[in-house]
Each structure stands twice: as structure tokens, then as C-alpha cells.
Amino acid sequence: MNSELLSRITSNPKQCGGRPCIRGLRVRVKDVLEMLAGGATEEEILADYPYLERDDIRASLEYAAVQIDHAVVMLA
């Protein structure tokens, strides 16, 4: 876990419904992840959102990785 990257992710109940955003901007982590999943390159995202930085994209991926890293209990 890279806490320096994760410090770029903010949550504010008065912004975007409290969903995780990039550096207090109105760009949600989900938005960045959906662009990547849709095939956008980092360069395309940065060109479309010039106020984002490459580390913001990396922070979104790090945040997603941390969120899904939990044990799954299977009941038989």
C-alpha cells in the first residue's frame, strides 16, 4: 500500500455524495477507473482533464486495489 498515493484520495460528504474523489476535485475515483476500463490511456485522460496528474491515476488504481483486498468467507 502506497500511503503517499492514497493521500491524493479525498472524501467529503458535501462533494459527490461523499464518494472518493481526486485531491478534493469533482473527479471521482470511479470516473478514472471507468475511463481506464473503457480503454482510455493515461495520456488521453490527462489531455481531457489537464488538472489531473499521472499520480492521480495511479492513486485511483491503488485505492481500488486496497478496497477489494478483503477476505471472502464461503459458507458450505
Protein backbone atom coordinates (compact mmCIF):
# COMPACT_ATOMS: atom_id res chain seq x y z
CA MET A 1 0.00 0.00 0.00
CA ASN A 2 1.36 3.38 -1.01
CA SER A 3 0.04 5.87 1.56
CA GLU A 4 1.56 8.80 -0.35
CA LEU A 5 -0.60 7.95 -3.35
CA LEU A 6 -3.65 7.25 -1.21
CA SER A 7 -3.37 10.70 0.38
CA ARG A 8 -4.49 12.05 -3.02
CA ILE A 9 -7.90 10.41 -2.49
CA THR A 10 -10.35 12.52 -0.52
CA SER A 11 -13.91 12.03 0.69
CA ASN A 12 -16.20 14.89 1.62
CA PRO A 13 -19.86 14.27 2.41
CA LYS A 14 -20.71 17.61 0.76
CA GLN A 15 -18.98 16.70 -2.50
CA CYS A 16 -20.05 13.97 -4.94
CA GLY A 17 -22.22 12.38 -2.27
CA GLY A 18 -19.17 11.52 -0.17
CA ARG A 19 -17.71 9.30 -2.87
CA PRO A 20 -13.91 9.13 -3.08
CA CYS A 21 -12.51 11.91 -5.27
CA ILE A 22 -9.12 13.03 -6.53
CA ARG A 23 -7.47 15.75 -4.41
CA GLY A 24 -10.75 17.42 -3.49
CA LEU A 25 -11.66 17.89 -7.15
CA ARG A 26 -15.02 16.81 -8.50
CA VAL A 27 -13.43 13.90 -10.30
CA ARG A 28 -14.37 10.63 -8.63
CA VAL A 29 -12.06 7.66 -8.37
CA LYS A 30 -14.83 5.74 -10.14
CA ASP A 31 -14.66 8.13 -13.09
CA VAL A 32 -10.94 7.50 -13.58
CA LEU A 33 -11.38 3.74 -13.22
CA GLU A 34 -14.24 3.71 -15.75
CA MET A 35 -12.14 5.64 -18.26
CA LEU A 36 -9.30 3.16 -17.89
CA ALA A 37 -11.68 0.20 -18.12
CA GLY A 38 -13.15 1.75 -21.26
CA GLY A 39 -9.75 1.71 -22.91
CA ALA A 40 -8.60 5.30 -22.35
CA THR A 41 -4.86 5.67 -21.94
CA GLU A 42 -3.26 7.73 -19.20
CA GLU A 43 -2.24 10.25 -21.85
CA GLU A 44 -5.83 10.60 -23.08
CA ILE A 45 -7.16 11.08 -19.56
CA LEU A 46 -4.51 13.69 -18.76
CA ALA A 47 -5.25 15.52 -22.02
CA ASP A 48 -9.00 15.57 -21.31
CA TYR A 49 -8.51 16.55 -17.65
CA PRO A 50 -5.43 18.82 -17.57
CA TYR A 51 -5.82 19.45 -13.84
CA LEU A 52 -5.17 15.74 -13.14
CA GLU A 53 -1.69 14.36 -12.68
CA ARG A 54 -0.28 10.94 -13.55
CA ASP A 55 -0.08 10.11 -9.83
CA ASP A 56 -3.83 10.78 -9.53
CA ILE A 57 -4.45 7.91 -11.94
CA ARG A 58 -2.04 5.69 -10.02
CA ALA A 59 -3.77 6.70 -6.78
CA SER A 60 -7.14 5.64 -8.21
CA LEU A 61 -5.76 2.22 -9.08
CA GLU A 62 -4.11 1.90 -5.65
CA TYR A 63 -7.38 2.87 -3.94
CA ALA A 64 -9.30 0.25 -5.92
CA ALA A 65 -6.71 -2.41 -5.09
CA VAL A 66 -6.94 -1.66 -1.38
CA GLN A 67 -10.75 -1.70 -1.47
CA ILE A 68 -11.01 -5.17 -2.97
CA ASP A 69 -8.33 -6.71 -0.75
CA HIS A 70 -10.53 -8.41 1.81
CA ALA A 71 -11.21 -11.96 2.78
CA VAL A 72 -14.20 -13.74 1.28
CA VAL A 73 -15.91 -16.25 3.53
CA MET A 74 -17.66 -19.09 1.76
CA LEU A 75 -20.34 -20.99 3.67
CA ALA A 76 -20.83 -24.57 2.62
